[in-house]
Amino acid sequence: MKISGVDIRPGNIIEYEGGIWKVAKIQHTQPGKGGAYMQVEMKNLQDGRKTNVRFRSADTVEKVRLDTQDYQFLYEDGDMLVFMDQTTYEQITLPSDLLGDARPFLQDGMQVKLELWEEKPISVELPQQIEAEIVEADAVVKGQTASSSYKPAVLDNGVRIMVPPHIESGTRIVVDVYEQSYVGKAN
């Protein structure tokens, strides 16, 4: 399926220059002169190379359709991760760098989707949002307005994110895995 260069989103798998690439980060830029473009950071899923490419709205790329299967994360073995197929109970071992920046959010027993291209696992997709606990939160600075000020905090998995001033250490919150941002308080 062809998509416009400005419709590319993080997590998309695209075909580019004969390879299969996973989009890691995007930045929409609108310079004063010339047309807007999407700066896309992506990783080749076959050989691990990374590249930055500019796509304009007139550019089109092929979005690759992958087969997805439900797996459960079992445990970590060195720098390898072990997953189990939910239907056949077959286990598969994959390198941990396949998860990229989402790696710290992987939890024991978590349900994930493995994306397969030509029967070979090339990507692990975590749930969009997870619950995590704040283990360290900075004090609120007096005089900051509550609507616009966020403060740094550290999650139980070691990831630093920005949270609203009323969030204290020990609070369970919902975090967007791929944006690494605060969504709300957990119920």
N, C-alpha and C. Protein backbone atom coordinates (compact mmCIF):
# COMPACT_ATOMS: atom_id res chain seq x y z
N MET A 1 0.84 -1.17 0.00
CA MET A 1 0.00 0.00 0.00
C MET A 1 0.90 1.24 0.00
N LYS A 2 0.70 2.12 -0.94
CA LYS A 2 1.49 3.36 -1.05
C LYS A 2 0.95 4.40 -0.08
N ILE A 3 1.88 5.08 0.63
CA ILE A 3 1.48 6.19 1.49
C ILE A 3 2.37 7.39 1.17
N SER A 4 1.86 8.58 1.46
CA SER A 4 2.60 9.81 1.23
C SER A 4 3.75 9.90 2.24
N GLY A 5 4.81 10.60 1.87
CA GLY A 5 5.96 10.77 2.74
C GLY A 5 5.65 11.46 4.05
N VAL A 6 4.60 12.32 4.07
CA VAL A 6 4.25 13.02 5.31
C VAL A 6 3.28 12.22 6.19
N ASP A 7 2.83 11.04 5.70
CA ASP A 7 1.94 10.19 6.49
C ASP A 7 2.70 9.09 7.22
N ILE A 8 4.01 9.11 7.13
CA ILE A 8 4.84 8.11 7.81
C ILE A 8 4.78 8.36 9.31
N ARG A 9 4.63 7.28 10.09
CA ARG A 9 4.54 7.38 11.55
C ARG A 9 5.54 6.42 12.20
N PRO A 10 5.98 6.71 13.45
CA PRO A 10 6.88 5.78 14.13
C PRO A 10 6.24 4.40 14.25
N GLY A 11 7.05 3.37 14.01
CA GLY A 11 6.54 2.00 14.05
C GLY A 11 6.15 1.46 12.70
N ASN A 12 5.95 2.36 11.70
CA ASN A 12 5.62 1.89 10.35
C ASN A 12 6.78 1.09 9.78
N ILE A 13 6.46 0.09 8.99
CA ILE A 13 7.45 -0.68 8.25
C ILE A 13 7.29 -0.28 6.79
N ILE A 14 8.37 0.23 6.20
CA ILE A 14 8.28 0.68 4.81
C ILE A 14 9.36 0.02 3.97
N GLU A 15 9.09 -0.02 2.67
CA GLU A 15 10.08 -0.53 1.72
C GLU A 15 10.78 0.70 1.14
N TYR A 16 12.12 0.72 1.24
CA TYR A 16 12.89 1.87 0.78
C TYR A 16 14.21 1.37 0.23
N GLU A 17 14.52 1.74 -0.99
CA GLU A 17 15.76 1.34 -1.66
C GLU A 17 16.03 -0.16 -1.56
N GLY A 18 14.98 -0.95 -1.80
CA GLY A 18 15.12 -2.40 -1.86
C GLY A 18 15.21 -3.09 -0.52
N GLY A 19 15.07 -2.36 0.59
CA GLY A 19 15.14 -2.97 1.92
C GLY A 19 13.86 -2.74 2.70
N ILE A 20 13.74 -3.45 3.82
CA ILE A 20 12.60 -3.28 4.72
C ILE A 20 13.10 -2.47 5.92
N TRP A 21 12.45 -1.33 6.18
CA TRP A 21 12.90 -0.39 7.21
C TRP A 21 11.79 -0.15 8.22
N LYS A 22 12.17 -0.03 9.50
CA LYS A 22 11.22 0.33 10.56
C LYS A 22 11.48 1.77 10.95
N VAL A 23 10.42 2.57 10.96
CA VAL A 23 10.52 3.99 11.31
C VAL A 23 10.66 4.11 12.82
N ALA A 24 11.74 4.76 13.27
CA ALA A 24 12.00 4.95 14.70
C ALA A 24 11.46 6.30 15.17
N LYS A 25 11.84 7.38 14.47
CA LYS A 25 11.43 8.73 14.87
C LYS A 25 11.08 9.53 13.63
N ILE A 26 10.18 10.48 13.81
CA ILE A 26 9.84 11.40 12.73
C ILE A 26 9.86 12.82 13.27
N GLN A 27 10.14 13.76 12.37
CA GLN A 27 10.05 15.17 12.74
C GLN A 27 9.53 15.93 11.53
N HIS A 28 8.38 16.55 11.69
CA HIS A 28 7.79 17.33 10.60
C HIS A 28 8.43 18.71 10.63
N THR A 29 8.99 19.13 9.51
CA THR A 29 9.68 20.41 9.44
C THR A 29 9.07 21.27 8.34
N GLN A 30 8.83 22.52 8.66
CA GLN A 30 8.26 23.46 7.70
C GLN A 30 9.18 24.67 7.62
N PRO A 31 10.19 24.61 6.74
CA PRO A 31 11.14 25.73 6.66
C PRO A 31 10.48 26.99 6.08
N GLY A 32 11.12 28.12 6.31
CA GLY A 32 10.59 29.38 5.79
C GLY A 32 10.52 29.38 4.28
N LYS A 33 11.53 28.80 3.65
CA LYS A 33 11.54 28.70 2.19
C LYS A 33 11.32 27.25 1.80
N GLY A 34 10.65 27.02 0.69
CA GLY A 34 10.46 25.65 0.22
C GLY A 34 9.32 24.95 0.93
N GLY A 35 9.06 23.73 0.49
CA GLY A 35 7.94 22.97 1.04
C GLY A 35 8.30 22.24 2.32
N ALA A 36 7.27 21.83 3.01
CA ALA A 36 7.45 21.07 4.25
C ALA A 36 7.95 19.67 3.93
N TYR A 37 8.61 19.06 4.89
CA TYR A 37 9.08 17.69 4.70
C TYR A 37 9.06 16.96 6.03
N MET A 38 9.14 15.64 5.95
CA MET A 38 9.19 14.78 7.13
C MET A 38 10.60 14.21 7.23
N GLN A 39 11.31 14.52 8.32
CA GLN A 39 12.63 13.95 8.58
C GLN A 39 12.38 12.63 9.29
N VAL A 40 12.81 11.53 8.66
CA VAL A 40 12.49 10.20 9.18
C VAL A 40 13.77 9.45 9.54
N GLU A 41 13.85 9.00 10.81
CA GLU A 41 14.96 8.16 11.24
C GLU A 41 14.44 6.73 11.20
N MET A 42 15.15 5.86 10.47
CA MET A 42 14.67 4.48 10.35
C MET A 42 15.82 3.49 10.40
N LYS A 43 15.45 2.23 10.72
CA LYS A 43 16.43 1.16 10.87
C LYS A 43 16.09 0.03 9.92
N ASN A 44 17.12 -0.45 9.22
CA ASN A 44 16.92 -1.58 8.31
C ASN A 44 16.72 -2.84 9.14
N LEU A 45 15.62 -3.55 8.89
CA LEU A 45 15.29 -4.72 9.68
C LEU A 45 16.06 -5.97 9.25
N GLN A 46 16.76 -5.89 8.12
CA GLN A 46 17.52 -7.06 7.67
C GLN A 46 18.97 -7.01 8.15
N ASP A 47 19.60 -5.84 8.11
CA ASP A 47 21.02 -5.78 8.48
C ASP A 47 21.32 -4.81 9.63
N GLY A 48 20.30 -4.11 10.15
CA GLY A 48 20.49 -3.26 11.33
C GLY A 48 21.02 -1.86 11.06
N ARG A 49 21.28 -1.51 9.78
CA ARG A 49 21.75 -0.15 9.47
C ARG A 49 20.70 0.87 9.85
N LYS A 50 21.15 2.09 10.21
CA LYS A 50 20.24 3.20 10.49
C LYS A 50 20.48 4.30 9.47
N THR A 51 19.43 5.04 9.16
CA THR A 51 19.58 6.15 8.23
C THR A 51 18.54 7.22 8.54
N ASN A 52 18.82 8.44 8.09
CA ASN A 52 17.89 9.55 8.15
C ASN A 52 17.54 9.96 6.73
N VAL A 53 16.26 10.06 6.45
CA VAL A 53 15.81 10.40 5.10
C VAL A 53 14.76 11.50 5.19
N ARG A 54 14.78 12.42 4.21
CA ARG A 54 13.74 13.45 4.12
C ARG A 54 12.72 13.02 3.08
N PHE A 55 11.45 13.03 3.47
CA PHE A 55 10.37 12.73 2.54
C PHE A 55 9.49 13.96 2.42
N ARG A 56 9.21 14.36 1.20
CA ARG A 56 8.28 15.46 0.96
C ARG A 56 6.89 14.88 0.74
N SER A 57 5.87 15.71 0.74
CA SER A 57 4.50 15.21 0.59
C SER A 57 4.29 14.56 -0.78
N ALA A 58 5.07 14.98 -1.79
CA ALA A 58 4.93 14.39 -3.13
C ALA A 58 5.56 13.00 -3.21
N ASP A 59 6.48 12.68 -2.28
CA ASP A 59 7.12 11.36 -2.27
C ASP A 59 6.14 10.31 -1.75
N THR A 60 6.19 9.14 -2.35
CA THR A 60 5.38 8.03 -1.84
C THR A 60 6.30 6.86 -1.52
N VAL A 61 5.93 6.12 -0.50
CA VAL A 61 6.68 4.92 -0.11
C VAL A 61 5.70 3.77 0.02
N GLU A 62 6.22 2.58 -0.12
CA GLU A 62 5.38 1.38 0.02
C GLU A 62 5.37 0.97 1.49
N LYS A 63 4.18 0.97 2.08
CA LYS A 63 4.04 0.49 3.47
C LYS A 63 3.89 -1.02 3.38
N VAL A 64 4.77 -1.72 4.07
CA VAL A 64 4.81 -3.18 3.97
C VAL A 64 3.78 -3.79 4.91
N ARG A 65 3.03 -4.74 4.39
CA ARG A 65 2.08 -5.50 5.21
C ARG A 65 2.81 -6.70 5.78
N LEU A 66 2.78 -6.80 7.08
CA LEU A 66 3.44 -7.91 7.75
C LEU A 66 2.40 -8.82 8.39
N ASP A 67 2.74 -10.10 8.49
CA ASP A 67 1.89 -11.02 9.24
C ASP A 67 2.18 -10.77 10.71
N THR A 68 1.15 -10.74 11.53
CA THR A 68 1.37 -10.56 12.97
C THR A 68 0.86 -11.78 13.73
N GLN A 69 1.57 -12.13 14.77
CA GLN A 69 1.17 -13.23 15.63
C GLN A 69 1.31 -12.79 17.08
N ASP A 70 0.41 -13.28 17.92
CA ASP A 70 0.45 -12.95 19.34
C ASP A 70 1.45 -13.85 20.05
N TYR A 71 2.33 -13.21 20.80
CA TYR A 71 3.33 -13.92 21.60
C TYR A 71 3.31 -13.38 23.01
N GLN A 72 3.88 -14.13 23.92
CA GLN A 72 4.01 -13.69 25.31
C GLN A 72 5.50 -13.66 25.64
N PHE A 73 5.94 -12.56 26.28
CA PHE A 73 7.33 -12.46 26.69
C PHE A 73 7.53 -13.33 27.92
N LEU A 74 8.52 -14.24 27.87
CA LEU A 74 8.79 -15.14 28.99
C LEU A 74 9.93 -14.64 29.87
N TYR A 75 11.13 -14.50 29.29
CA TYR A 75 12.27 -14.08 30.09
C TYR A 75 13.40 -13.59 29.18
N GLU A 76 14.40 -12.98 29.85
CA GLU A 76 15.57 -12.45 29.17
C GLU A 76 16.73 -13.41 29.40
N ASP A 77 17.49 -13.69 28.34
CA ASP A 77 18.64 -14.58 28.43
C ASP A 77 19.84 -13.84 27.83
N GLY A 78 20.58 -13.11 28.70
CA GLY A 78 21.68 -12.28 28.20
C GLY A 78 21.10 -11.11 27.42
N ASP A 79 21.52 -10.96 26.15
CA ASP A 79 20.95 -9.90 25.32
C ASP A 79 19.89 -10.46 24.37
N MET A 80 19.40 -11.65 24.68
CA MET A 80 18.34 -12.28 23.88
C MET A 80 17.05 -12.32 24.71
N LEU A 81 15.91 -12.24 24.02
CA LEU A 81 14.60 -12.28 24.67
C LEU A 81 13.87 -13.54 24.20
N VAL A 82 13.21 -14.22 25.12
CA VAL A 82 12.49 -15.45 24.78
C VAL A 82 10.99 -15.17 24.82
N PHE A 83 10.32 -15.50 23.71
CA PHE A 83 8.88 -15.32 23.56
C PHE A 83 8.22 -16.66 23.29
N MET A 84 6.92 -16.76 23.65
CA MET A 84 6.19 -18.00 23.40
C MET A 84 4.96 -17.69 22.54
N ASP A 85 4.77 -18.51 21.50
CA ASP A 85 3.60 -18.41 20.63
C ASP A 85 2.37 -18.75 21.47
N GLN A 86 1.34 -17.91 21.42
CA GLN A 86 0.15 -18.11 22.24
C GLN A 86 -0.72 -19.28 21.79
N THR A 87 -0.57 -19.74 20.54
CA THR A 87 -1.40 -20.84 20.06
C THR A 87 -0.67 -22.18 20.08
N THR A 88 0.61 -22.19 19.70
CA THR A 88 1.34 -23.47 19.61
C THR A 88 2.25 -23.72 20.81
N TYR A 89 2.43 -22.71 21.67
CA TYR A 89 3.34 -22.77 22.83
C TYR A 89 4.79 -22.99 22.43
N GLU A 90 5.10 -22.73 21.18
CA GLU A 90 6.47 -22.83 20.68
C GLU A 90 7.24 -21.59 21.13
N GLN A 91 8.51 -21.77 21.52
CA GLN A 91 9.31 -20.64 21.99
C GLN A 91 10.25 -20.16 20.90
N ILE A 92 10.49 -18.85 20.90
CA ILE A 92 11.38 -18.23 19.91
C ILE A 92 12.29 -17.25 20.65
N THR A 93 13.55 -17.19 20.25
CA THR A 93 14.53 -16.30 20.87
C THR A 93 14.92 -15.22 19.88
N LEU A 94 14.84 -13.96 20.31
CA LEU A 94 15.14 -12.83 19.44
C LEU A 94 16.10 -11.87 20.14
N PRO A 95 16.91 -11.12 19.38
CA PRO A 95 17.81 -10.13 20.01
C PRO A 95 17.02 -8.98 20.62
N SER A 96 17.47 -8.47 21.78
CA SER A 96 16.74 -7.42 22.48
C SER A 96 16.74 -6.09 21.73
N ASP A 97 17.74 -5.86 20.85
CA ASP A 97 17.77 -4.58 20.13
C ASP A 97 16.67 -4.46 19.08
N LEU A 98 15.91 -5.54 18.86
CA LEU A 98 14.78 -5.51 17.94
C LEU A 98 13.68 -4.58 18.46
N LEU A 99 13.67 -4.32 19.77
CA LEU A 99 12.65 -3.46 20.37
C LEU A 99 13.02 -1.98 20.34
N GLY A 100 14.29 -1.67 20.17
CA GLY A 100 14.73 -0.28 20.11
C GLY A 100 14.48 0.44 21.42
N ASP A 101 13.96 1.69 21.34
CA ASP A 101 13.73 2.52 22.51
C ASP A 101 12.63 1.99 23.43
N ALA A 102 11.80 1.08 22.93
CA ALA A 102 10.70 0.53 23.73
C ALA A 102 11.18 -0.59 24.66
N ARG A 103 12.43 -1.03 24.54
CA ARG A 103 12.95 -2.16 25.30
C ARG A 103 12.72 -2.06 26.81
N PRO A 104 12.97 -0.91 27.48
CA PRO A 104 12.77 -0.85 28.94
C PRO A 104 11.32 -1.11 29.37
N PHE A 105 10.36 -0.96 28.46
CA PHE A 105 8.95 -1.10 28.82
C PHE A 105 8.47 -2.55 28.76
N LEU A 106 9.29 -3.46 28.24
CA LEU A 106 8.91 -4.88 28.17
C LEU A 106 8.85 -5.45 29.58
N GLN A 107 7.72 -6.08 29.91
CA GLN A 107 7.53 -6.63 31.26
C GLN A 107 7.29 -8.13 31.17
N ASP A 108 7.66 -8.87 32.23
CA ASP A 108 7.45 -10.32 32.26
C ASP A 108 5.99 -10.65 32.03
N GLY A 109 5.74 -11.63 31.15
CA GLY A 109 4.39 -12.07 30.87
C GLY A 109 3.61 -11.16 29.93
N MET A 110 4.23 -10.08 29.44
CA MET A 110 3.54 -9.11 28.58
C MET A 110 3.15 -9.75 27.24
N GLN A 111 1.93 -9.43 26.80
CA GLN A 111 1.45 -9.88 25.49
C GLN A 111 2.00 -8.91 24.43
N VAL A 112 2.67 -9.44 23.42
CA VAL A 112 3.23 -8.62 22.35
C VAL A 112 2.81 -9.19 21.00
N LYS A 113 2.99 -8.38 19.96
CA LYS A 113 2.74 -8.86 18.61
C LYS A 113 4.08 -8.94 17.89
N LEU A 114 4.37 -10.12 17.35
CA LEU A 114 5.56 -10.30 16.54
C LEU A 114 5.16 -10.08 15.10
N GLU A 115 5.90 -9.24 14.40
CA GLU A 115 5.62 -9.01 12.98
C GLU A 115 6.58 -9.85 12.17
N LEU A 116 6.02 -10.62 11.26
CA LEU A 116 6.80 -11.55 10.44
C LEU A 116 6.79 -11.11 8.99
N TRP A 117 7.95 -11.16 8.37
CA TRP A 117 8.07 -10.87 6.94
C TRP A 117 8.72 -12.10 6.32
N GLU A 118 7.98 -12.72 5.41
CA GLU A 118 8.42 -13.97 4.79
C GLU A 118 8.78 -15.01 5.86
N GLU A 119 7.89 -15.16 6.83
CA GLU A 119 8.00 -16.15 7.92
C GLU A 119 9.12 -15.87 8.92
N LYS A 120 9.82 -14.73 8.78
CA LYS A 120 10.93 -14.42 9.67
C LYS A 120 10.54 -13.25 10.57
N PRO A 121 10.68 -13.40 11.91
CA PRO A 121 10.34 -12.29 12.81
C PRO A 121 11.29 -11.10 12.61
N ILE A 122 10.72 -9.92 12.36
CA ILE A 122 11.56 -8.75 12.13
C ILE A 122 11.23 -7.61 13.08
N SER A 123 10.14 -7.74 13.83
CA SER A 123 9.76 -6.62 14.69
C SER A 123 8.89 -7.13 15.84
N VAL A 124 9.04 -6.49 17.00
CA VAL A 124 8.21 -6.80 18.17
C VAL A 124 7.45 -5.53 18.52
N GLU A 125 6.12 -5.64 18.58
CA GLU A 125 5.29 -4.47 18.89
C GLU A 125 4.70 -4.64 20.29
N LEU A 126 5.03 -3.72 21.17
CA LEU A 126 4.49 -3.73 22.53
C LEU A 126 3.13 -3.03 22.53
N PRO A 127 2.35 -3.21 23.61
CA PRO A 127 1.10 -2.42 23.71
C PRO A 127 1.44 -0.93 23.67
N GLN A 128 0.53 -0.11 23.14
CA GLN A 128 0.78 1.33 23.01
C GLN A 128 0.98 1.99 24.37
N GLN A 129 0.22 1.52 25.39
CA GLN A 129 0.32 2.12 26.72
C GLN A 129 0.52 1.03 27.78
N ILE A 130 1.31 1.34 28.79
CA ILE A 130 1.51 0.42 29.91
C ILE A 130 1.40 1.20 31.22
N GLU A 131 1.25 0.46 32.32
CA GLU A 131 1.27 1.08 33.64
C GLU A 131 2.68 0.97 34.21
N ALA A 132 3.12 2.02 34.87
CA ALA A 132 4.44 2.01 35.51
C ALA A 132 4.34 2.81 36.79
N GLU A 133 5.31 2.60 37.68
CA GLU A 133 5.31 3.33 38.95
C GLU A 133 6.43 4.37 38.95
N ILE A 134 6.13 5.55 39.49
CA ILE A 134 7.13 6.61 39.64
C ILE A 134 7.99 6.25 40.85
N VAL A 135 9.31 6.16 40.68
CA VAL A 135 10.18 5.87 41.82
C VAL A 135 10.91 7.12 42.30
N GLU A 136 10.95 8.13 41.45
CA GLU A 136 11.63 9.37 41.84
C GLU A 136 11.00 10.52 41.07
N ALA A 137 10.58 11.56 41.78
CA ALA A 137 9.98 12.73 41.13
C ALA A 137 10.56 13.99 41.77
N ASP A 138 10.94 14.94 40.93
CA ASP A 138 11.48 16.20 41.44
C ASP A 138 10.39 16.98 42.18
N ALA A 139 10.81 17.86 43.07
CA ALA A 139 9.86 18.71 43.80
C ALA A 139 9.29 19.75 42.85
N VAL A 140 8.11 20.22 43.18
CA VAL A 140 7.47 21.26 42.37
C VAL A 140 8.16 22.59 42.64
N VAL A 141 8.43 23.34 41.58
CA VAL A 141 9.04 24.66 41.72
C VAL A 141 7.93 25.68 41.92
N LYS A 142 8.00 26.45 43.00
CA LYS A 142 6.96 27.44 43.30
C LYS A 142 6.90 28.49 42.18
N GLY A 143 5.68 28.88 41.86
CA GLY A 143 5.50 29.92 40.87
C GLY A 143 5.26 29.40 39.47
N GLN A 144 5.48 28.11 39.26
CA GLN A 144 5.20 27.56 37.92
C GLN A 144 3.69 27.39 37.78
N THR A 145 3.18 27.64 36.59
CA THR A 145 1.75 27.44 36.38
C THR A 145 1.50 25.97 36.12
N ALA A 146 0.44 25.46 36.68
CA ALA A 146 0.14 24.02 36.60
C ALA A 146 -0.17 23.58 35.18
N SER A 147 -0.71 24.46 34.36
CA SER A 147 -1.14 24.04 33.03
C SER A 147 0.02 23.74 32.08
N SER A 148 1.13 24.45 32.22
CA SER A 148 2.19 24.27 31.23
C SER A 148 3.45 23.62 31.77
N SER A 149 3.55 23.46 33.09
CA SER A 149 4.82 22.99 33.64
C SER A 149 4.76 21.51 33.96
N TYR A 150 5.72 20.80 33.44
CA TYR A 150 5.90 19.40 33.79
C TYR A 150 7.23 19.27 34.49
N LYS A 151 7.40 18.24 35.30
CA LYS A 151 8.65 18.05 36.02
C LYS A 151 9.21 16.67 35.66
N PRO A 152 10.53 16.50 35.75
CA PRO A 152 11.13 15.19 35.43
C PRO A 152 10.82 14.16 36.51
N ALA A 153 10.65 12.91 36.06
CA ALA A 153 10.42 11.80 36.99
C ALA A 153 11.08 10.55 36.41
N VAL A 154 11.37 9.59 37.29
CA VAL A 154 11.98 8.33 36.86
C VAL A 154 11.00 7.21 37.15
N LEU A 155 10.78 6.36 36.13
CA LEU A 155 9.87 5.21 36.27
C LEU A 155 10.61 4.04 36.90
N ASP A 156 9.85 3.02 37.31
CA ASP A 156 10.44 1.82 37.92
C ASP A 156 11.33 1.04 36.95
N ASN A 157 11.23 1.32 35.64
CA ASN A 157 12.10 0.65 34.66
C ASN A 157 13.33 1.49 34.31
N GLY A 158 13.51 2.65 35.00
CA GLY A 158 14.68 3.49 34.79
C GLY A 158 14.52 4.57 33.74
N VAL A 159 13.39 4.62 33.06
CA VAL A 159 13.17 5.62 32.00
C VAL A 159 12.75 6.94 32.64
N ARG A 160 13.34 8.03 32.13
CA ARG A 160 12.99 9.38 32.60
C ARG A 160 11.91 9.95 31.69
N ILE A 161 10.84 10.47 32.30
CA ILE A 161 9.78 11.12 31.54
C ILE A 161 9.37 12.39 32.27
N MET A 162 8.56 13.20 31.61
CA MET A 162 8.04 14.42 32.21
C MET A 162 6.61 14.16 32.67
N VAL A 163 6.29 14.57 33.92
CA VAL A 163 4.96 14.36 34.49
C VAL A 163 4.43 15.68 35.05
N PRO A 164 3.09 15.78 35.23
CA PRO A 164 2.52 16.99 35.83
C PRO A 164 2.99 17.16 37.28
N PRO A 165 2.93 18.38 37.80
CA PRO A 165 3.44 18.68 39.14
C PRO A 165 2.78 17.87 40.26
N HIS A 166 1.52 17.46 40.10
CA HIS A 166 0.82 16.76 41.19
C HIS A 166 1.21 15.29 41.32
N ILE A 167 1.99 14.76 40.41
CA ILE A 167 2.41 13.35 40.46
C ILE A 167 3.60 13.22 41.40
N GLU A 168 3.46 12.34 42.39
CA GLU A 168 4.50 12.15 43.38
C GLU A 168 5.14 10.77 43.24
N SER A 169 6.25 10.56 43.91
CA SER A 169 6.93 9.27 43.94
C SER A 169 5.97 8.22 44.53
N GLY A 170 5.93 7.03 43.92
CA GLY A 170 5.04 5.97 44.37
C GLY A 170 3.73 5.91 43.63
N THR A 171 3.43 6.92 42.82
CA THR A 171 2.19 6.96 42.05
C THR A 171 2.29 6.04 40.84
N ARG A 172 1.22 5.28 40.56
CA ARG A 172 1.19 4.45 39.34
C ARG A 172 0.54 5.28 38.24
N ILE A 173 1.23 5.34 37.10
CA ILE A 173 0.72 6.13 35.97
C ILE A 173 0.66 5.28 34.71
N VAL A 174 -0.04 5.80 33.71
CA VAL A 174 -0.10 5.18 32.39
C VAL A 174 0.88 5.94 31.50
N VAL A 175 1.74 5.19 30.77
CA VAL A 175 2.78 5.78 29.94
C VAL A 175 2.60 5.33 28.50
N ASP A 176 2.74 6.26 27.55
CA ASP A 176 2.77 5.91 26.14
C ASP A 176 4.16 5.35 25.84
N VAL A 177 4.21 4.09 25.42
CA VAL A 177 5.48 3.38 25.24
C VAL A 177 6.34 4.02 24.16
N TYR A 178 5.75 4.37 23.03
CA TYR A 178 6.55 4.83 21.89
C TYR A 178 6.86 6.32 21.94
N GLU A 179 6.02 7.10 22.59
CA GLU A 179 6.30 8.53 22.76
C GLU A 179 7.09 8.77 24.06
N GLN A 180 7.10 7.78 24.93
CA GLN A 180 7.71 7.87 26.27
C GLN A 180 7.20 9.11 26.98
N SER A 181 5.87 9.18 27.07
CA SER A 181 5.26 10.35 27.70
C SER A 181 4.13 9.94 28.64
N TYR A 182 3.81 10.84 29.56
CA TYR A 182 2.75 10.66 30.55
C TYR A 182 1.39 10.72 29.86
N VAL A 183 0.50 9.76 30.19
CA VAL A 183 -0.86 9.76 29.63
C VAL A 183 -1.87 10.14 30.72
N GLY A 184 -1.72 9.51 31.89
CA GLY A 184 -2.65 9.79 32.98
C GLY A 184 -2.33 8.92 34.19
N LYS A 185 -3.09 9.10 35.25
CA LYS A 185 -2.94 8.27 36.44
C LYS A 185 -3.57 6.91 36.17
N ALA A 186 -2.97 5.86 36.74
CA ALA A 186 -3.54 4.52 36.61
C ALA A 186 -4.71 4.38 37.60
N ASN A 187 -5.67 3.56 37.25
CA ASN A 187 -6.83 3.35 38.15
C ASN A 187 -6.47 2.46 39.31
